[in-house]
Amino acid sequence: MTLTQFEDNISRYGTAIDSWPQTARAAALALLAASPQAARLLEQASRLDRLFMVEACPPPPAVAAILSRATAPRPSAWSRLSAALSLEIGSFSWLQAGGLAACLAVGVIIGSVMTPQREVISLALLDFGVGAQSGFGAHLDTEDE
């Protein structure tokens, strides 16, 4: 086998001489034993192969972190919910925030329901203050008298 044939076989079959066809493998091993140039060609091709091997170069840290999170076992829904409720911001927990939000909602509802009654009470007090004895708007009639 010549150096040109050896180089063609490296391009065709790769740098792992064990995977070459039997006839080419025997001739390549004989050439490697006899020629340092063949050994240099094989070493250069092996270095080039290692550059393109995925196993040889690890992924960047960000990609590795994403892959590890994607392949990690997922916690159950109950454990995620309990973890979310137990989170604290300073000394204030999400459970306390939920309680305050519920109180606020109840206060808004009661305030919106009570608004018409407050107007009735205000008008009744106005009538009482003017001295009217009957119904709303009676204080307007007292000015004519």
C-alpha atoms as a PDB file:
ATOM      1  CA  MET A   1       0.000   0.000   0.000  1.00  0.00           C
ATOM      2  CA  THR A   2       1.279   3.467  -0.866  1.00  0.00           C
ATOM      3  CA  LEU A   3       0.900   6.630   1.224  1.00  0.00           C
ATOM      4  CA  THR A   4      -1.694   7.972  -1.221  1.00  0.00           C
ATOM      5  CA  GLN A   5      -3.758   4.783  -0.928  1.00  0.00           C
ATOM      6  CA  PHE A   6      -3.369   4.912   2.870  1.00  0.00           C
ATOM      7  CA  GLU A   7      -4.603   8.509   2.916  1.00  0.00           C
ATOM      8  CA  ASP A   8      -7.562   7.582   0.684  1.00  0.00           C
ATOM      9  CA  ASN A   9      -8.458   4.705   2.998  1.00  0.00           C
ATOM     10  CA  ILE A  10      -8.332   7.040   6.014  1.00  0.00           C
ATOM     11  CA  SER A  11     -10.743   9.366   4.208  1.00  0.00           C
ATOM     12  CA  ARG A  12     -12.964   6.468   3.186  1.00  0.00           C
ATOM     13  CA  TYR A  13     -12.961   4.249   6.313  1.00  0.00           C
ATOM     14  CA  GLY A  14     -11.882   6.601   9.106  1.00  0.00           C
ATOM     15  CA  THR A  15      -8.976   6.506  11.528  1.00  0.00           C
ATOM     16  CA  ALA A  16      -9.984   3.292  13.316  1.00  0.00           C
ATOM     17  CA  ILE A  17      -7.980   0.784  11.295  1.00  0.00           C
ATOM     18  CA  ASP A  18      -9.796  -2.091  13.038  1.00  0.00           C
ATOM     19  CA  SER A  19     -12.985  -1.102  11.163  1.00  0.00           C
ATOM     20  CA  TRP A  20     -11.322  -1.229   7.736  1.00  0.00           C
ATOM     21  CA  PRO A  21     -11.837  -4.194   5.382  1.00  0.00           C
ATOM     22  CA  GLN A  22      -9.533  -7.124   6.135  1.00  0.00           C
ATOM     23  CA  THR A  23      -7.275  -6.723   3.067  1.00  0.00           C
ATOM     24  CA  ALA A  24      -6.834  -2.966   3.547  1.00  0.00           C
ATOM     25  CA  ARG A  25      -6.304  -3.431   7.285  1.00  0.00           C
ATOM     26  CA  ALA A  26      -3.390  -5.800   6.870  1.00  0.00           C
ATOM     27  CA  ALA A  27      -1.684  -3.565   4.301  1.00  0.00           C
ATOM     28  CA  ALA A  28      -2.257  -0.447   6.482  1.00  0.00           C
ATOM     29  CA  LEU A  29      -0.744  -2.087   9.563  1.00  0.00           C
ATOM     30  CA  ALA A  30       2.300  -3.138   7.521  1.00  0.00           C
ATOM     31  CA  LEU A  31       2.679   0.405   6.153  1.00  0.00           C
ATOM     32  CA  LEU A  32       2.350   1.918   9.647  1.00  0.00           C
ATOM     33  CA  ALA A  33       5.095  -0.363  10.945  1.00  0.00           C
ATOM     34  CA  ALA A  34       7.412   0.611   8.098  1.00  0.00           C
ATOM     35  CA  SER A  35       6.664   4.311   7.499  1.00  0.00           C
ATOM     36  CA  PRO A  36       6.747   7.166  10.026  1.00  0.00           C
ATOM     37  CA  GLN A  37       4.957   9.362   7.449  1.00  0.00           C
ATOM     38  CA  ALA A  38       1.978   7.005   7.539  1.00  0.00           C
ATOM     39  CA  ALA A  39       1.949   7.231  11.336  1.00  0.00           C
ATOM     40  CA  ARG A  40       1.978  11.053  11.081  1.00  0.00           C
ATOM     41  CA  LEU A  41      -0.907  10.990   8.576  1.00  0.00           C
ATOM     42  CA  LEU A  42      -2.917   8.733  10.881  1.00  0.00           C
ATOM     43  CA  GLU A  43      -2.160  10.957  13.905  1.00  0.00           C
ATOM     44  CA  GLN A  44      -3.219  14.129  12.058  1.00  0.00           C
ATOM     45  CA  ALA A  45      -6.442  12.498  10.891  1.00  0.00           C
ATOM     46  CA  SER A  46      -7.106  11.233  14.450  1.00  0.00           C
ATOM     47  CA  ARG A  47      -6.668  14.753  15.871  1.00  0.00           C
ATOM     48  CA  LEU A  48      -9.086  16.091  13.281  1.00  0.00           C
ATOM     49  CA  ASP A  49     -11.611  13.380  14.163  1.00  0.00           C
ATOM     50  CA  ARG A  50     -11.315  14.208  17.877  1.00  0.00           C
ATOM     51  CA  LEU A  51     -12.158  17.840  17.123  1.00  0.00           C
ATOM     52  CA  PHE A  52     -15.491  16.778  15.647  1.00  0.00           C
ATOM     53  CA  MET A  53     -16.362  14.135  18.226  1.00  0.00           C
ATOM     54  CA  VAL A  54     -19.235  15.146  20.482  1.00  0.00           C
ATOM     55  CA  GLU A  55     -17.937  13.054  23.375  1.00  0.00           C
ATOM     56  CA  ALA A  56     -14.550  14.748  23.254  1.00  0.00           C
ATOM     57  CA  CYS A  57     -15.843  18.249  23.901  1.00  0.00           C
ATOM     58  CA  PRO A  58     -18.366  18.756  26.698  1.00  0.00           C
ATOM     59  CA  PRO A  59     -21.301  21.083  26.097  1.00  0.00           C
ATOM     60  CA  PRO A  60     -21.113  24.639  27.429  1.00  0.00           C
ATOM     61  CA  PRO A  61     -22.183  25.014  31.086  1.00  0.00           C
ATOM     62  CA  ALA A  62     -25.497  26.674  30.207  1.00  0.00           C
ATOM     63  CA  VAL A  63     -26.440  23.838  27.855  1.00  0.00           C
ATOM     64  CA  ALA A  64     -25.355  21.252  30.425  1.00  0.00           C
ATOM     65  CA  ALA A  65     -27.525  22.940  33.075  1.00  0.00           C
ATOM     66  CA  ILE A  66     -30.540  23.005  30.753  1.00  0.00           C
ATOM     67  CA  LEU A  67     -30.036  19.349  29.846  1.00  0.00           C
ATOM     68  CA  SER A  68     -29.714  18.314  33.484  1.00  0.00           C
ATOM     69  CA  ARG A  69     -32.909  20.186  34.416  1.00  0.00           C
ATOM     70  CA  ALA A  70     -34.757  18.717  31.436  1.00  0.00           C
ATOM     71  CA  THR A  71     -33.755  15.162  32.312  1.00  0.00           C
ATOM     72  CA  ALA A  72     -34.161  15.491  36.086  1.00  0.00           C
ATOM     73  CA  PRO A  73     -37.152  13.725  37.638  1.00  0.00           C
ATOM     74  CA  ARG A  74     -40.115  16.057  38.137  1.00  0.00           C
ATOM     75  CA  PRO A  75     -41.548  16.494  41.648  1.00  0.00           C
ATOM     76  CA  SER A  76     -45.216  15.747  42.192  1.00  0.00           C
ATOM     77  CA  ALA A  77     -47.833  18.472  41.960  1.00  0.00           C
ATOM     78  CA  TRP A  78     -48.491  18.273  45.709  1.00  0.00           C
ATOM     79  CA  SER A  79     -44.835  18.794  46.611  1.00  0.00           C
ATOM     80  CA  ARG A  80     -44.581  21.752  44.187  1.00  0.00           C
ATOM     81  CA  LEU A  81     -47.716  23.328  45.705  1.00  0.00           C
ATOM     82  CA  SER A  82     -46.506  22.860  49.276  1.00  0.00           C
ATOM     83  CA  ALA A  83     -43.107  24.284  48.323  1.00  0.00           C
ATOM     84  CA  ALA A  84     -44.764  27.305  46.698  1.00  0.00           C
ATOM     85  CA  LEU A  85     -46.936  27.958  49.761  1.00  0.00           C
ATOM     86  CA  SER A  86     -44.001  27.676  52.135  1.00  0.00           C
ATOM     87  CA  LEU A  87     -41.884  30.245  50.282  1.00  0.00           C
ATOM     88  CA  GLU A  88     -41.229  33.288  52.390  1.00  0.00           C
ATOM     89  CA  ILE A  89     -40.306  36.782  51.387  1.00  0.00           C
ATOM     90  CA  GLY A  90     -38.515  38.054  54.431  1.00  0.00           C
ATOM     91  CA  SER A  91     -40.898  37.199  57.265  1.00  0.00           C
ATOM     92  CA  PHE A  92     -43.971  37.279  55.002  1.00  0.00           C
ATOM     93  CA  SER A  93     -45.263  34.007  53.540  1.00  0.00           C
ATOM     94  CA  TRP A  94     -47.505  33.392  50.538  1.00  0.00           C
ATOM     95  CA  LEU A  95     -50.141  31.952  52.846  1.00  0.00           C
ATOM     96  CA  GLN A  96     -50.319  35.248  54.737  1.00  0.00           C
ATOM     97  CA  ALA A  97     -50.512  37.164  51.464  1.00  0.00           C
ATOM     98  CA  GLY A  98     -53.416  34.961  50.366  1.00  0.00           C
ATOM     99  CA  GLY A  99     -55.230  35.645  53.640  1.00  0.00           C
ATOM    100  CA  LEU A 100     -54.774  39.382  53.242  1.00  0.00           C
ATOM    101  CA  ALA A 101     -56.013  39.222  49.647  1.00  0.00           C
ATOM    102  CA  ALA A 102     -59.113  37.325  50.785  1.00  0.00           C
ATOM    103  CA  CYS A 103     -59.803  39.950  53.458  1.00  0.00           C
ATOM    104  CA  LEU A 104     -59.393  42.698  50.895  1.00  0.00           C
ATOM    105  CA  ALA A 105     -61.833  40.992  48.527  1.00  0.00           C
ATOM    106  CA  VAL A 106     -64.422  40.548  51.282  1.00  0.00           C
ATOM    107  CA  GLY A 107     -64.009  44.197  52.265  1.00  0.00           C
ATOM    108  CA  VAL A 108     -64.547  45.372  48.704  1.00  0.00           C
ATOM    109  CA  ILE A 109     -67.658  43.216  48.358  1.00  0.00           C
ATOM    110  CA  ILE A 110     -69.135  44.415  51.651  1.00  0.00           C
ATOM    111  CA  GLY A 111     -68.283  48.013  50.794  1.00  0.00           C
ATOM    112  CA  SER A 112     -69.997  47.806  47.437  1.00  0.00           C
ATOM    113  CA  VAL A 113     -73.103  46.216  48.966  1.00  0.00           C
ATOM    114  CA  MET A 114     -73.283  48.724  51.808  1.00  0.00           C
ATOM    115  CA  THR A 115     -72.990  51.839  49.628  1.00  0.00           C
ATOM    116  CA  PRO A 116     -76.755  52.254  48.940  1.00  0.00           C
ATOM    117  CA  GLN A 117     -77.579  51.863  52.632  1.00  0.00           C
ATOM    118  CA  ARG A 118     -75.068  54.524  53.574  1.00  0.00           C
ATOM    119  CA  GLU A 119     -76.822  56.992  51.263  1.00  0.00           C
ATOM    120  CA  VAL A 120     -80.184  56.174  52.853  1.00  0.00           C
ATOM    121  CA  ILE A 121     -78.725  56.728  56.316  1.00  0.00           C
ATOM    122  CA  SER A 122     -77.164  60.035  55.208  1.00  0.00           C
ATOM    123  CA  LEU A 123     -80.466  61.310  53.837  1.00  0.00           C
ATOM    124  CA  ALA A 124     -82.331  60.221  56.965  1.00  0.00           C
ATOM    125  CA  LEU A 125     -79.843  62.073  59.163  1.00  0.00           C
ATOM    126  CA  LEU A 126     -80.144  65.143  56.940  1.00  0.00           C
ATOM    127  CA  ASP A 127     -83.943  65.096  57.323  1.00  0.00           C
ATOM    128  CA  PHE A 128     -83.633  64.646  61.058  1.00  0.00           C
ATOM    129  CA  GLY A 129     -81.171  67.501  61.326  1.00  0.00           C
ATOM    130  CA  VAL A 130     -83.488  69.930  59.510  1.00  0.00           C
ATOM    131  CA  GLY A 131     -86.398  68.957  61.654  1.00  0.00           C
ATOM    132  CA  ALA A 132     -88.573  67.205  59.101  1.00  0.00           C
ATOM    133  CA  GLN A 133     -90.933  64.685  60.523  1.00  0.00           C
ATOM    134  CA  SER A 134     -91.777  62.713  57.430  1.00  0.00           C
ATOM    135  CA  GLY A 135     -90.000  61.222  54.416  1.00  0.00           C
ATOM    136  CA  PHE A 136     -87.079  62.409  52.430  1.00  0.00           C
ATOM    137  CA  GLY A 137     -87.071  65.850  50.982  1.00  0.00           C
ATOM    138  CA  ALA A 138     -89.470  67.237  53.560  1.00  0.00           C
ATOM    139  CA  HIS A 139     -86.880  69.837  54.604  1.00  0.00           C
ATOM    140  CA  LEU A 140     -87.453  71.603  51.304  1.00  0.00           C
ATOM    141  CA  ASP A 141     -91.067  72.233  52.249  1.00  0.00           C
ATOM    142  CA  THR A 142     -90.151  73.742  55.631  1.00  0.00           C
ATOM    143  CA  GLU A 143     -88.461  76.719  54.019  1.00  0.00           C
ATOM    144  CA  ASP A 144     -91.769  77.906  52.515  1.00  0.00           C
ATOM    145  CA  GLU A 145     -93.516  77.984  55.838  1.00  0.00           C
END
